[in-house]
Amino acid sequence: MALDAHLAELSEKHRALDRKIEEELARPTADDLKIAEWKRQKLRLKDEMERLKHQKSH
């Protein structure tokens, strides 16, 4: 059960970063460096979620 809770937490963080990126892109003076860093964070979260899902299925 703890694994499911951790996956849910990572998924929520991933969605929150999505929202931050969308909000930043909507600004006329979007900060490309912030966006790039948030995208890297999203990829790390996605990789971690995939690793945990794989671990869960074994």
PDB file of N, CA and C in Angstrom:
ATOM      1  N   MET A   1       0.824  -1.211   0.000  1.00  0.00           N
ATOM      2  CA  MET A   1       0.000   0.000   0.000  1.00  0.00           C
ATOM      3  C   MET A   1       0.857   1.260   0.000  1.00  0.00           C
ATOM      4  N   ALA A   2       1.987   1.234   0.684  1.00  0.00           N
ATOM      5  CA  ALA A   2       2.858   2.408   0.733  1.00  0.00           C
ATOM      6  C   ALA A   2       3.358   2.764  -0.658  1.00  0.00           C
ATOM      7  N   LEU A   3       3.576   1.747  -1.481  1.00  0.00           N
ATOM      8  CA  LEU A   3       4.038   1.978  -2.845  1.00  0.00           C
ATOM      9  C   LEU A   3       2.977   2.728  -3.650  1.00  0.00           C
ATOM     10  N   ASP A   4       1.728   2.346  -3.496  1.00  0.00           N
ATOM     11  CA  ASP A   4       0.636   3.039  -4.192  1.00  0.00           C
ATOM     12  C   ASP A   4       0.541   4.494  -3.750  1.00  0.00           C
ATOM     13  N   ALA A   5       0.711   4.733  -2.469  1.00  0.00           N
ATOM     14  CA  ALA A   5       0.654   6.100  -1.950  1.00  0.00           C
ATOM     15  C   ALA A   5       1.809   6.928  -2.503  1.00  0.00           C
ATOM     16  N   HIS A   6       2.982   6.322  -2.580  1.00  0.00           N
ATOM     17  CA  HIS A   6       4.141   7.026  -3.123  1.00  0.00           C
ATOM     18  C   HIS A   6       3.927   7.337  -4.608  1.00  0.00           C
ATOM     19  N   LEU A   7       3.388   6.380  -5.349  1.00  0.00           N
ATOM     20  CA  LEU A   7       3.086   6.611  -6.768  1.00  0.00           C
ATOM     21  C   LEU A   7       2.079   7.739  -6.936  1.00  0.00           C
ATOM     22  N   ALA A   8       1.074   7.763  -6.096  1.00  0.00           N
ATOM     23  CA  ALA A   8       0.060   8.821  -6.165  1.00  0.00           C
ATOM     24  C   ALA A   8       0.685  10.179  -5.866  1.00  0.00           C
ATOM     25  N   GLU A   9       1.577  10.221  -4.902  1.00  0.00           N
ATOM     26  CA  GLU A   9       2.257  11.477  -4.558  1.00  0.00           C
ATOM     27  C   GLU A   9       3.123  11.959  -5.724  1.00  0.00           C
ATOM     28  N   LEU A  10       3.870  11.042  -6.334  1.00  0.00           N
ATOM     29  CA  LEU A  10       4.708  11.408  -7.481  1.00  0.00           C
ATOM     30  C   LEU A  10       3.848  11.887  -8.646  1.00  0.00           C
ATOM     31  N   SER A  11       2.726  11.229  -8.851  1.00  0.00           N
ATOM     32  CA  SER A  11       1.817  11.609  -9.932  1.00  0.00           C
ATOM     33  C   SER A  11       1.259  13.016  -9.716  1.00  0.00           C
ATOM     34  N   GLU A  12       0.932  13.334  -8.490  1.00  0.00           N
ATOM     35  CA  GLU A  12       0.419  14.671  -8.182  1.00  0.00           C
ATOM     36  C   GLU A  12       1.499  15.728  -8.399  1.00  0.00           C
ATOM     37  N   LYS A  13       2.727  15.424  -8.002  1.00  0.00           N
ATOM     38  CA  LYS A  13       3.826  16.359  -8.236  1.00  0.00           C
ATOM     39  C   LYS A  13       4.027  16.577  -9.734  1.00  0.00           C
ATOM     40  N   HIS A  14       3.888  15.512 -10.518  1.00  0.00           N
ATOM     41  CA  HIS A  14       4.032  15.591 -11.973  1.00  0.00           C
ATOM     42  C   HIS A  14       2.959  16.514 -12.546  1.00  0.00           C
ATOM     43  N   ARG A  15       1.717  16.350 -12.091  1.00  0.00           N
ATOM     44  CA  ARG A  15       0.614  17.208 -12.561  1.00  0.00           C
ATOM     45  C   ARG A  15       0.832  18.666 -12.149  1.00  0.00           C
ATOM     46  N   ALA A  16       1.338  18.868 -10.943  1.00  0.00           N
ATOM     47  CA  ALA A  16       1.586  20.233 -10.466  1.00  0.00           C
ATOM     48  C   ALA A  16       2.647  20.916 -11.329  1.00  0.00           C
ATOM     49  N   LEU A  17       3.677  20.180 -11.702  1.00  0.00           N
ATOM     50  CA  LEU A  17       4.695  20.748 -12.583  1.00  0.00           C
ATOM     51  C   LEU A  17       4.105  21.071 -13.952  1.00  0.00           C
ATOM     52  N   ASP A  18       3.222  20.208 -14.433  1.00  0.00           N
ATOM     53  CA  ASP A  18       2.517  20.480 -15.699  1.00  0.00           C
ATOM     54  C   ASP A  18       1.789  21.821 -15.633  1.00  0.00           C
ATOM     55  N   ARG A  19       1.082  22.029 -14.536  1.00  0.00           N
ATOM     56  CA  ARG A  19       0.331  23.279 -14.368  1.00  0.00           C
ATOM     57  C   ARG A  19       1.276  24.481 -14.317  1.00  0.00           C
ATOM     58  N   LYS A  20       2.383  24.347 -13.581  1.00  0.00           N
ATOM     59  CA  LYS A  20       3.347  25.446 -13.484  1.00  0.00           C
ATOM     60  C   LYS A  20       3.908  25.786 -14.863  1.00  0.00           C
ATOM     61  N   ILE A  21       4.225  24.760 -15.636  1.00  0.00           N
ATOM     62  CA  ILE A  21       4.771  24.980 -16.982  1.00  0.00           C
ATOM     63  C   ILE A  21       3.740  25.685 -17.856  1.00  0.00           C
ATOM     64  N   GLU A  22       2.501  25.211 -17.817  1.00  0.00           N
ATOM     65  CA  GLU A  22       1.447  25.840 -18.618  1.00  0.00           C
ATOM     66  C   GLU A  22       1.251  27.304 -18.225  1.00  0.00           C
ATOM     67  N   GLU A  23       1.250  27.570 -16.920  1.00  0.00           N
ATOM     68  CA  GLU A  23       1.072  28.952 -16.454  1.00  0.00           C
ATOM     69  C   GLU A  23       2.235  29.831 -16.905  1.00  0.00           C
ATOM     70  N   GLU A  24       3.440  29.301 -16.828  1.00  0.00           N
ATOM     71  CA  GLU A  24       4.606  30.082 -17.225  1.00  0.00           C
ATOM     72  C   GLU A  24       4.593  30.343 -18.738  1.00  0.00           C
ATOM     73  N   LEU A  25       4.211  29.336 -19.507  1.00  0.00           N
ATOM     74  CA  LEU A  25       4.158  29.500 -20.961  1.00  0.00           C
ATOM     75  C   LEU A  25       3.104  30.521 -21.373  1.00  0.00           C
ATOM     76  N   ALA A  26       2.084  30.704 -20.564  1.00  0.00           N
ATOM     77  CA  ALA A  26       1.017  31.650 -20.881  1.00  0.00           C
ATOM     78  C   ALA A  26       1.457  33.094 -20.645  1.00  0.00           C
ATOM     79  N   ARG A  27       2.533  33.272 -19.901  1.00  0.00           N
ATOM     80  CA  ARG A  27       3.024  34.626 -19.634  1.00  0.00           C
ATOM     81  C   ARG A  27       3.770  35.157 -20.857  1.00  0.00           C
ATOM     82  N   PRO A  28       3.633  36.436 -21.129  1.00  0.00           N
ATOM     83  CA  PRO A  28       4.342  37.018 -22.283  1.00  0.00           C
ATOM     84  C   PRO A  28       5.865  36.948 -22.138  1.00  0.00           C
ATOM     85  N   THR A  29       6.348  36.983 -20.907  1.00  0.00           N
ATOM     86  CA  THR A  29       7.795  36.928 -20.670  1.00  0.00           C
ATOM     87  C   THR A  29       8.165  35.621 -19.967  1.00  0.00           C
ATOM     88  N   ALA A  30       7.766  34.517 -20.551  1.00  0.00           N
ATOM     89  CA  ALA A  30       8.012  33.210 -19.948  1.00  0.00           C
ATOM     90  C   ALA A  30       9.507  32.995 -19.722  1.00  0.00           C
ATOM     91  N   ASP A  31       9.837  32.417 -18.590  1.00  0.00           N
ATOM     92  CA  ASP A  31      11.230  32.141 -18.224  1.00  0.00           C
ATOM     93  C   ASP A  31      11.608  30.753 -18.746  1.00  0.00           C
ATOM     94  N   ASP A  32      12.368  30.741 -19.832  1.00  0.00           N
ATOM     95  CA  ASP A  32      12.748  29.477 -20.463  1.00  0.00           C
ATOM     96  C   ASP A  32      13.582  28.590 -19.553  1.00  0.00           C
ATOM     97  N   LEU A  33      14.403  29.191 -18.705  1.00  0.00           N
ATOM     98  CA  LEU A  33      15.232  28.393 -17.804  1.00  0.00           C
ATOM     99  C   LEU A  33      14.379  27.673 -16.756  1.00  0.00           C
ATOM    100  N   LYS A  34      13.380  28.379 -16.222  1.00  0.00           N
ATOM    101  CA  LYS A  34      12.452  27.749 -15.267  1.00  0.00           C
ATOM    102  C   LYS A  34      11.730  26.592 -15.935  1.00  0.00           C
ATOM    103  N   ILE A  35      11.225  26.850 -17.131  1.00  0.00           N
ATOM    104  CA  ILE A  35      10.468  25.825 -17.851  1.00  0.00           C
ATOM    105  C   ILE A  35      11.335  24.603 -18.113  1.00  0.00           C
ATOM    106  N   ALA A  36      12.561  24.821 -18.548  1.00  0.00           N
ATOM    107  CA  ALA A  36      13.469  23.702 -18.817  1.00  0.00           C
ATOM    108  C   ALA A  36      13.735  22.896 -17.544  1.00  0.00           C
ATOM    109  N   GLU A  37      13.941  23.581 -16.421  1.00  0.00           N
ATOM    110  CA  GLU A  37      14.187  22.879 -15.161  1.00  0.00           C
ATOM    111  C   GLU A  37      12.958  22.086 -14.738  1.00  0.00           C
ATOM    112  N   TRP A  38      11.774  22.669 -14.863  1.00  0.00           N
ATOM    113  CA  TRP A  38      10.542  21.955 -14.502  1.00  0.00           C
ATOM    114  C   TRP A  38      10.329  20.740 -15.394  1.00  0.00           C
ATOM    115  N   LYS A  39      10.680  20.866 -16.667  1.00  0.00           N
ATOM    116  CA  LYS A  39      10.544  19.718 -17.578  1.00  0.00           C
ATOM    117  C   LYS A  39      11.508  18.603 -17.175  1.00  0.00           C
ATOM    118  N   ARG A  40      12.722  18.969 -16.759  1.00  0.00           N
ATOM    119  CA  ARG A  40      13.668  17.952 -16.275  1.00  0.00           C
ATOM    120  C   ARG A  40      13.131  17.280 -15.017  1.00  0.00           C
ATOM    121  N   GLN A  41      12.532  18.058 -14.121  1.00  0.00           N
ATOM    122  CA  GLN A  41      11.942  17.489 -12.907  1.00  0.00           C
ATOM    123  C   GLN A  41      10.813  16.524 -13.269  1.00  0.00           C
ATOM    124  N   LYS A  42       9.995  16.919 -14.246  1.00  0.00           N
ATOM    125  CA  LYS A  42       8.904  16.041 -14.684  1.00  0.00           C
ATOM    126  C   LYS A  42       9.441  14.717 -15.215  1.00  0.00           C
ATOM    127  N   LEU A  43      10.518  14.775 -15.996  1.00  0.00           N
ATOM    128  CA  LEU A  43      11.104  13.549 -16.532  1.00  0.00           C
ATOM    129  C   LEU A  43      11.647  12.662 -15.416  1.00  0.00           C
ATOM    130  N   ARG A  44      12.288  13.273 -14.422  1.00  0.00           N
ATOM    131  CA  ARG A  44      12.789  12.486 -13.287  1.00  0.00           C
ATOM    132  C   ARG A  44      11.630  11.807 -12.547  1.00  0.00           C
ATOM    133  N   LEU A  45      10.544  12.556 -12.347  1.00  0.00           N
ATOM    134  CA  LEU A  45       9.375  11.980 -11.678  1.00  0.00           C
ATOM    135  C   LEU A  45       8.795  10.830 -12.494  1.00  0.00           C
ATOM    136  N   LYS A  46       8.683  11.035 -13.802  1.00  0.00           N
ATOM    137  CA  LYS A  46       8.128   9.993 -14.670  1.00  0.00           C
ATOM    138  C   LYS A  46       9.005   8.741 -14.626  1.00  0.00           C
ATOM    139  N   ASP A  47      10.330   8.928 -14.692  1.00  0.00           N
ATOM    140  CA  ASP A  47      11.242   7.788 -14.603  1.00  0.00           C
ATOM    141  C   ASP A  47      11.074   7.046 -13.277  1.00  0.00           C
ATOM    142  N   GLU A  48      10.959   7.795 -12.200  1.00  0.00           N
ATOM    143  CA  GLU A  48      10.778   7.182 -10.881  1.00  0.00           C
ATOM    144  C   GLU A  48       9.449   6.424 -10.814  1.00  0.00           C
ATOM    145  N   MET A  49       8.385   7.017 -11.363  1.00  0.00           N
ATOM    146  CA  MET A  49       7.082   6.335 -11.358  1.00  0.00           C
ATOM    147  C   MET A  49       7.149   5.041 -12.160  1.00  0.00           C
ATOM    148  N   GLU A  50       7.793   5.072 -13.320  1.00  0.00           N
ATOM    149  CA  GLU A  50       7.922   3.866 -14.139  1.00  0.00           C
ATOM    150  C   GLU A  50       8.725   2.791 -13.414  1.00  0.00           C
ATOM    151  N   ARG A  51       9.799   3.210 -12.740  1.00  0.00           N
ATOM    152  CA  ARG A  51      10.605   2.255 -11.985  1.00  0.00           C
ATOM    153  C   ARG A  51       9.782   1.601 -10.869  1.00  0.00           C
ATOM    154  N   LEU A  52       8.996   2.413 -10.171  1.00  0.00           N
ATOM    155  CA  LEU A  52       8.178   1.873  -9.074  1.00  0.00           C
ATOM    156  C   LEU A  52       7.059   0.968  -9.603  1.00  0.00           C
ATOM    157  N   LYS A  53       6.465   1.342 -10.729  1.00  0.00           N
ATOM    158  CA  LYS A  53       5.420   0.495 -11.316  1.00  0.00           C
ATOM    159  C   LYS A  53       6.002  -0.850 -11.730  1.00  0.00           C
ATOM    160  N   HIS A  54       7.198  -0.814 -12.303  1.00  0.00           N
ATOM    161  CA  HIS A  54       7.863  -2.047 -12.706  1.00  0.00           C
ATOM    162  C   HIS A  54       8.178  -2.908 -11.475  1.00  0.00           C
ATOM    163  N   GLN A  55       8.655  -2.265 -10.424  1.00  0.00           N
ATOM    164  CA  GLN A  55       8.972  -2.951  -9.181  1.00  0.00           C
ATOM    165  C   GLN A  55       7.712  -3.561  -8.576  1.00  0.00           C
ATOM    166  N   LYS A  56       6.613  -2.844  -8.671  1.00  0.00           N
ATOM    167  CA  LYS A  56       5.329  -3.290  -8.106  1.00  0.00           C
ATOM    168  C   LYS A  56       4.827  -4.548  -8.825  1.00  0.00           C
ATOM    169  N   SER A  57       5.065  -4.610 -10.138  1.00  0.00           N
ATOM    170  CA  SER A  57       4.526  -5.723 -10.908  1.00  0.00           C
ATOM    171  C   SER A  57       5.353  -6.998 -10.752  1.00  0.00           C
ATOM    172  N   HIS A  58       6.483  -6.913 -10.073  1.00  0.00           N
ATOM    173  CA  HIS A  58       7.304  -8.107  -9.890  1.00  0.00           C
ATOM    174  C   HIS A  58       7.250  -8.626  -8.489  1.00  0.00           C
TER     175      HIS A  58
END
